[in-house]
PDB file of N, CA and C in Angstrom:
ATOM      1  N   UNK A   1      51.163 119.591 177.897  1.00  0.00           N
ATOM      2  CA  UNK A   1      50.383 120.382 176.981  1.00  0.00           C
ATOM      3  C   UNK A   1      50.447 119.297 175.525  1.00  0.00           C
ATOM      4  N   UNK A   2      49.774 119.297 174.484  1.00  0.00           N
ATOM      5  CA  UNK A   2      49.814 118.198 173.120  1.00  0.00           C
ATOM      6  C   UNK A   2      50.027 119.456 172.192  1.00  0.00           C
ATOM      7  N   UNK A   3      50.616 119.010 171.281  1.00  0.00           N
ATOM      8  CA  UNK A   3      50.912 119.956 169.850  1.00  0.00           C
ATOM      9  C   UNK A   3      50.200 121.226 169.537  1.00  0.00           C
ATOM     10  N   UNK A   4      48.489 120.553 169.837  1.00  0.00           N
ATOM     11  CA  UNK A   4      47.797 121.384 168.760  1.00  0.00           C
ATOM     12  C   UNK A   4      47.326 122.629 170.275  1.00  0.00           C
ATOM     13  N   UNK A   5      47.591 122.275 171.247  1.00  0.00           N
ATOM     14  CA  UNK A   5      47.331 122.915 172.575  1.00  0.00           C
ATOM     15  C   UNK A   5      48.124 124.103 172.312  1.00  0.00           C
ATOM     16  N   UNK A   6      49.763 123.887 172.560  1.00  0.00           N
ATOM     17  CA  UNK A   6      50.928 124.308 172.190  1.00  0.00           C
ATOM     18  C   UNK A   6      50.795 125.352 171.117  1.00  0.00           C
ATOM     19  N   UNK A   7      50.407 124.625 169.833  1.00  0.00           N
ATOM     20  CA  UNK A   7      50.256 126.061 168.410  1.00  0.00           C
ATOM     21  C   UNK A   7      49.575 126.749 168.869  1.00  0.00           C
ATOM     22  N   UNK A   8      48.431 126.723 169.200  1.00  0.00           N
ATOM     23  CA  UNK A   8      47.507 127.789 169.857  1.00  0.00           C
ATOM     24  C   UNK A   8      47.493 128.658 170.911  1.00  0.00           C
ATOM     25  N   UNK A   9      48.165 128.398 171.520  1.00  0.00           N
ATOM     26  CA  UNK A   9      49.128 129.348 172.470  1.00  0.00           C
ATOM     27  C   UNK A   9      49.917 129.946 172.492  1.00  0.00           C
ATOM     28  N   UNK A  10      50.925 129.627 171.450  1.00  0.00           N
ATOM     29  CA  UNK A  10      52.072 130.385 170.735  1.00  0.00           C
ATOM     30  C   UNK A  10      51.274 131.185 169.908  1.00  0.00           C
ATOM     31  N   UNK A  11      50.332 130.939 168.957  1.00  0.00           N
ATOM     32  CA  UNK A  11      49.745 132.168 168.071  1.00  0.00           C
ATOM     33  C   UNK A  11      49.011 132.871 168.796  1.00  0.00           C
ATOM     34  N   UNK A  12      48.124 132.730 170.137  1.00  0.00           N
ATOM     35  CA  UNK A  12      47.430 133.306 170.781  1.00  0.00           C
ATOM     36  C   UNK A  12      48.136 134.800 171.326  1.00  0.00           C
ATOM     37  N   UNK A  13      49.645 133.956 172.039  1.00  0.00           N
ATOM     38  CA  UNK A  13      50.555 134.887 172.498  1.00  0.00           C
ATOM     39  C   UNK A  13      50.995 136.062 171.636  1.00  0.00           C
ATOM     40  N   UNK A  14      51.368 135.615 170.391  1.00  0.00           N
ATOM     41  CA  UNK A  14      51.487 136.130 169.067  1.00  0.00           C
ATOM     42  C   UNK A  14      51.033 137.500 168.955  1.00  0.00           C
ATOM     43  N   UNK A  15      49.359 137.299 169.083  1.00  0.00           N
ATOM     44  CA  UNK A  15      48.361 138.059 168.876  1.00  0.00           C
ATOM     45  C   UNK A  15      48.116 138.795 170.175  1.00  0.00           C
ATOM     46  N   UNK A  16      48.939 138.568 171.256  1.00  0.00           N
ATOM     47  CA  UNK A  16      48.509 139.194 172.386  1.00  0.00           C
ATOM     48  C   UNK A  16      46.941 139.134 173.294  1.00  0.00           C
ATOM     49  N   UNK A  17      46.345 138.070 173.228  1.00  0.00           N
ATOM     50  CA  UNK A  17      45.241 137.805 173.270  1.00  0.00           C
ATOM     51  C   UNK A  17      45.185 137.113 174.454  1.00  0.00           C
ATOM     52  N   UNK A  18      44.095 137.230 175.744  1.00  0.00           N
ATOM     53  CA  UNK A  18      44.157 136.510 176.518  1.00  0.00           C
ATOM     54  C   UNK A  18      43.364 135.590 176.412  1.00  0.00           C
ATOM     55  N   UNK A  19      43.153 134.485 177.459  1.00  0.00           N
ATOM     56  CA  UNK A  19      42.635 133.513 177.158  1.00  0.00           C
ATOM     57  C   UNK A  19      40.809 133.727 177.116  1.00  0.00           C
ATOM     58  N   UNK A  20      40.609 134.896 177.716  1.00  0.00           N
ATOM     59  CA  UNK A  20      39.289 135.197 177.628  1.00  0.00           C
ATOM     60  C   UNK A  20      38.730 136.158 176.274  1.00  0.00           C
ATOM     61  N   UNK A  21      39.645 136.544 175.566  1.00  0.00           N
ATOM     62  CA  UNK A  21      39.637 137.221 174.527  1.00  0.00           C
ATOM     63  C   UNK A  21      39.173 136.307 173.533  1.00  0.00           C
ATOM     64  N   UNK A  22      40.333 135.432 173.506  1.00  0.00           N
ATOM     65  CA  UNK A  22      40.190 134.579 172.358  1.00  0.00           C
ATOM     66  C   UNK A  22      39.031 133.537 172.545  1.00  0.00           C
ATOM     67  N   UNK A  23      38.596 133.163 173.447  1.00  0.00           N
ATOM     68  CA  UNK A  23      37.381 132.170 173.672  1.00  0.00           C
ATOM     69  C   UNK A  23      36.226 132.658 173.523  1.00  0.00           C
ATOM     70  N   UNK A  24      35.982 134.078 173.560  1.00  0.00           N
ATOM     71  CA  UNK A  24      34.662 135.153 173.305  1.00  0.00           C
ATOM     72  C   UNK A  24      34.800 135.004 171.876  1.00  0.00           C
ATOM     73  N   UNK A  25      35.672 135.168 171.275  1.00  0.00           N
ATOM     74  CA  UNK A  25      35.532 135.584 169.792  1.00  0.00           C
ATOM     75  C   UNK A  25      35.176 134.352 168.816  1.00  0.00           C
ATOM     76  N   UNK A  26      35.682 133.170 169.914  1.00  0.00           N
ATOM     77  CA  UNK A  26      35.451 131.688 169.160  1.00  0.00           C
ATOM     78  C   UNK A  26      34.148 131.399 169.268  1.00  0.00           C
ATOM     79  N   UNK A  27      33.652 131.662 170.646  1.00  0.00           N
ATOM     80  CA  UNK A  27      32.168 131.203 171.117  1.00  0.00           C
ATOM     81  C   UNK A  27      32.448 130.335 171.966  1.00  0.00           C
ATOM     82  N   UNK A  28      33.469 129.871 172.470  1.00  0.00           N
ATOM     83  CA  UNK A  28      33.445 129.085 173.778  1.00  0.00           C
ATOM     84  C   UNK A  28      33.960 129.375 175.140  1.00  0.00           C
ATOM     85  N   UNK A  29      33.759 128.807 176.052  1.00  0.00           N
ATOM     86  CA  UNK A  29      34.182 129.435 177.330  1.00  0.00           C
ATOM     87  C   UNK A  29      35.426 129.282 177.748  1.00  0.00           C
ATOM     88  N   UNK A  30      36.312 129.983 178.641  1.00  0.00           N
ATOM     89  CA  UNK A  30      37.722 130.328 178.623  1.00  0.00           C
ATOM     90  C   UNK A  30      37.845 128.814 179.076  1.00  0.00           C
ATOM     91  N   UNK A  31      37.283 128.404 179.721  1.00  0.00           N
ATOM     92  CA  UNK A  31      37.856 126.980 180.504  1.00  0.00           C
ATOM     93  C   UNK A  31      37.808 125.947 179.177  1.00  0.00           C
ATOM     94  N   UNK A  32      37.365 126.242 178.474  1.00  0.00           N
ATOM     95  CA  UNK A  32      36.933 125.046 177.535  1.00  0.00           C
ATOM     96  C   UNK A  32      38.548 125.353 176.317  1.00  0.00           C
ATOM     97  N   UNK A  33      38.781 126.463 176.322  1.00  0.00           N
ATOM     98  CA  UNK A  33      40.104 126.960 175.738  1.00  0.00           C
ATOM     99  C   UNK A  33      41.362 126.565 176.298  1.00  0.00           C
ATOM    100  N   UNK A  34      41.181 126.521 177.806  1.00  0.00           N
ATOM    101  CA  UNK A  34      42.007 126.166 178.575  1.00  0.00           C
ATOM    102  C   UNK A  34      42.411 124.795 178.308  1.00  0.00           C
ATOM    103  N   UNK A  35      41.216 123.933 178.508  1.00  0.00           N
ATOM    104  CA  UNK A  35      41.434 122.401 178.605  1.00  0.00           C
ATOM    105  C   UNK A  35      42.203 122.294 176.869  1.00  0.00           C
ATOM    106  N   UNK A  36      41.781 122.873 176.044  1.00  0.00           N
ATOM    107  CA  UNK A  36      42.218 122.312 174.739  1.00  0.00           C
ATOM    108  C   UNK A  36      43.672 122.707 174.766  1.00  0.00           C
ATOM    109  N   UNK A  37      44.106 124.226 174.949  1.00  0.00           N
ATOM    110  CA  UNK A  37      45.559 124.179 175.116  1.00  0.00           C
ATOM    111  C   UNK A  37      46.059 123.501 176.308  1.00  0.00           C
ATOM    112  N   UNK A  38      45.899 123.139 177.231  1.00  0.00           N
ATOM    113  CA  UNK A  38      46.296 121.812 178.005  1.00  0.00           C
ATOM    114  C   UNK A  38      46.427 120.372 177.991  1.00  0.00           C
ATOM    115  N   UNK A  39      45.703 120.047 176.446  1.00  0.00           N
ATOM    116  CA  UNK A  39      45.862 119.030 176.349  1.00  0.00           C
ATOM    117  C   UNK A  39      44.610 117.879 176.987  1.00  0.00           C
ATOM    118  N   UNK A  40      43.769 118.822 177.673  1.00  0.00           N
ATOM    119  CA  UNK A  40      42.777 118.182 178.481  1.00  0.00           C
ATOM    120  C   UNK A  40      41.342 117.664 177.660  1.00  0.00           C
ATOM    121  N   UNK A  41      41.311 118.534 176.617  1.00  0.00           N
ATOM    122  CA  UNK A  41      40.180 118.342 175.573  1.00  0.00           C
ATOM    123  C   UNK A  41      40.690 118.861 174.095  1.00  0.00           C
ATOM    124  N   UNK A  42      39.949 117.986 173.092  1.00  0.00           N
ATOM    125  CA  UNK A  42      40.333 118.209 171.977  1.00  0.00           C
ATOM    126  C   UNK A  42      38.839 118.900 171.032  1.00  0.00           C
ATOM    127  N   UNK A  43      39.367 120.396 170.563  1.00  0.00           N
ATOM    128  CA  UNK A  43      38.396 121.141 169.898  1.00  0.00           C
ATOM    129  C   UNK A  43      37.537 120.265 168.684  1.00  0.00           C
ATOM    130  N   UNK A  44      36.537 120.293 168.517  1.00  0.00           N
ATOM    131  CA  UNK A  44      35.718 119.763 167.004  1.00  0.00           C
ATOM    132  C   UNK A  44      36.597 120.662 166.092  1.00  0.00           C
ATOM    133  N   UNK A  45      36.110 120.267 164.822  1.00  0.00           N
ATOM    134  CA  UNK A  45      36.892 120.601 163.908  1.00  0.00           C
ATOM    135  C   UNK A  45      36.331 122.163 163.657  1.00  0.00           C
ATOM    136  N   UNK A  46      34.917 122.298 163.782  1.00  0.00           N
ATOM    137  CA  UNK A  46      34.482 123.769 163.850  1.00  0.00           C
ATOM    138  C   UNK A  46      35.089 124.679 164.569  1.00  0.00           C
ATOM    139  N   UNK A  47      35.038 123.853 165.750  1.00  0.00           N
ATOM    140  CA  UNK A  47      35.825 124.509 167.119  1.00  0.00           C
ATOM    141  C   UNK A  47      37.501 125.195 166.261  1.00  0.00           C
ATOM    142  N   UNK A  48      37.913 124.115 166.033  1.00  0.00           N
ATOM    143  CA  UNK A  48      39.331 124.597 165.125  1.00  0.00           C
ATOM    144  C   UNK A  48      39.549 125.441 164.036  1.00  0.00           C
ATOM    145  N   UNK A  49      38.301 125.341 163.487  1.00  0.00           N
ATOM    146  CA  UNK A  49      38.566 126.384 162.291  1.00  0.00           C
ATOM    147  C   UNK A  49      38.291 127.706 162.886  1.00  0.00           C
ATOM    148  N   UNK A  50      37.422 127.601 163.826  1.00  0.00           N
ATOM    149  CA  UNK A  50      36.957 129.661 164.307  1.00  0.00           C
ATOM    150  C   UNK A  50      38.427 129.791 165.042  1.00  0.00           C
ATOM    151  N   UNK A  51      38.970 128.994 166.067  1.00  0.00           N
ATOM    152  CA  UNK A  51      40.445 129.650 166.693  1.00  0.00           C
ATOM    153  C   UNK A  51      41.132 129.722 165.301  1.00  0.00           C
ATOM    154  N   UNK A  52      41.572 129.133 164.299  1.00  0.00           N
ATOM    155  CA  UNK A  52      42.443 129.304 163.444  1.00  0.00           C
ATOM    156  C   UNK A  52      42.245 130.444 162.727  1.00  0.00           C
ATOM    157  N   UNK A  53      40.765 130.842 162.493  1.00  0.00           N
ATOM    158  CA  UNK A  53      40.226 132.359 161.964  1.00  0.00           C
ATOM    159  C   UNK A  53      40.620 133.138 162.414  1.00  0.00           C
ATOM    160  N   UNK A  54      40.529 133.087 163.570  1.00  0.00           N
ATOM    161  CA  UNK A  54      40.929 134.088 164.945  1.00  0.00           C
ATOM    162  C   UNK A  54      42.359 134.411 164.961  1.00  0.00           C
ATOM    163  N   UNK A  55      43.036 133.435 164.855  1.00  0.00           N
ATOM    164  CA  UNK A  55      44.393 133.686 164.726  1.00  0.00           C
ATOM    165  C   UNK A  55      44.997 133.940 163.603  1.00  0.00           C
ATOM    166  N   UNK A  56      44.391 133.908 162.506  1.00  0.00           N
ATOM    167  CA  UNK A  56      44.698 134.316 161.144  1.00  0.00           C
ATOM    168  C   UNK A  56      45.728 133.355 160.793  1.00  0.00           C
ATOM    169  N   UNK A  57      45.876 132.373 160.921  1.00  0.00           N
ATOM    170  CA  UNK A  57      46.070 130.800 160.371  1.00  0.00           C
ATOM    171  C   UNK A  57      45.223 129.800 159.924  1.00  0.00           C
ATOM    172  N   UNK A  58      45.944 128.694 159.711  1.00  0.00           N
ATOM    173  CA  UNK A  58      45.012 127.867 159.257  1.00  0.00           C
ATOM    174  C   UNK A  58      45.076 126.163 159.707  1.00  0.00           C
ATOM    175  N   UNK A  59      44.041 125.671 159.877  1.00  0.00           N
ATOM    176  CA  UNK A  59      43.793 124.504 160.445  1.00  0.00           C
ATOM    177  C   UNK A  59      44.876 123.297 160.219  1.00  0.00           C
ATOM    178  N   UNK A  60      45.291 123.168 158.991  1.00  0.00           N
ATOM    179  CA  UNK A  60      46.770 122.540 158.969  1.00  0.00           C
ATOM    180  C   UNK A  60      47.912 123.183 159.762  1.00  0.00           C
ATOM    181  N   UNK A  61      48.046 124.346 160.134  1.00  0.00           N
ATOM    182  CA  UNK A  61      49.203 124.841 160.700  1.00  0.00           C
ATOM    183  C   UNK A  61      48.962 124.678 162.317  1.00  0.00           C
ATOM    184  N   UNK A  62      47.699 124.697 162.624  1.00  0.00           N
ATOM    185  CA  UNK A  62      47.496 124.292 163.870  1.00  0.00           C
ATOM    186  C   UNK A  62      47.778 122.852 164.280  1.00  0.00           C
ATOM    187  N   UNK A  63      47.138 121.805 163.670  1.00  0.00           N
ATOM    188  CA  UNK A  63      47.571 120.541 163.454  1.00  0.00           C
ATOM    189  C   UNK A  63      48.819 119.760 163.267  1.00  0.00           C
ATOM    190  N   UNK A  64      49.881 120.964 162.869  1.00  0.00           N
ATOM    191  CA  UNK A  64      51.235 120.498 162.286  1.00  0.00           C
ATOM    192  C   UNK A  64      51.301 119.568 161.088  1.00  0.00           C
ATOM    193  N   UNK A  65      50.025 119.812 160.169  1.00  0.00           N
ATOM    194  CA  UNK A  65      50.456 119.141 158.813  1.00  0.00           C
ATOM    195  C   UNK A  65      51.271 119.404 158.130  1.00  0.00           C
ATOM    196  N   UNK A  66      52.351 120.063 158.101  1.00  0.00           N
ATOM    197  CA  UNK A  66      53.450 120.285 157.731  1.00  0.00           C
ATOM    198  C   UNK A  66      54.592 119.761 158.257  1.00  0.00           C
ATOM    199  N   UNK A  67      54.695 119.645 159.281  1.00  0.00           N
ATOM    200  CA  UNK A  67      55.627 118.861 160.129  1.00  0.00           C
ATOM    201  C   UNK A  67      56.197 117.739 159.693  1.00  0.00           C
ATOM    202  N   UNK A  68      57.685 117.378 159.725  1.00  0.00           N
ATOM    203  CA  UNK A  68      58.022 115.793 159.239  1.00  0.00           C
ATOM    204  C   UNK A  68      58.046 115.552 160.456  1.00  0.00           C
ATOM    205  N   UNK A  69      57.301 113.914 160.381  1.00  0.00           N
ATOM    206  CA  UNK A  69      57.204 112.774 161.434  1.00  0.00           C
ATOM    207  C   UNK A  69      58.726 112.314 161.619  1.00  0.00           C
ATOM    208  N   UNK A  70      59.200 111.965 162.150  1.00  0.00           N
ATOM    209  CA  UNK A  70      60.214 110.979 162.545  1.00  0.00           C
ATOM    210  C   UNK A  70      60.232 109.876 163.044  1.00  0.00           C
ATOM    211  N   UNK A  71      60.406 108.562 162.216  1.00  0.00           N
ATOM    212  CA  UNK A  71      59.970 107.432 162.804  1.00  0.00           C
ATOM    213  C   UNK A  71      61.613 106.815 163.732  1.00  0.00           C
ATOM    214  N   UNK A  72      61.168 106.057 164.321  1.00  0.00           N
ATOM    215  CA  UNK A  72      62.596 105.516 165.349  1.00  0.00           C
ATOM    216  C   UNK A  72      63.367 104.182 164.121  1.00  0.00           C
TER     217      UNK A  72
END
């Protein structure tokens, strides 16, 4: 699972939404959302914004904007 997908799933679980419920609210198929959460597909910025809105968060939080990157 990629980091964006992990964050989406974590937030979805916090709101006690199942995959189908969030997908319907966002306007994408549940299989598309599943692929995003499992790192097999990447959302468009429009889809990512819609997901963030439904999960009452920001795109920045979903993409890990504030996480520090550790260099080797």
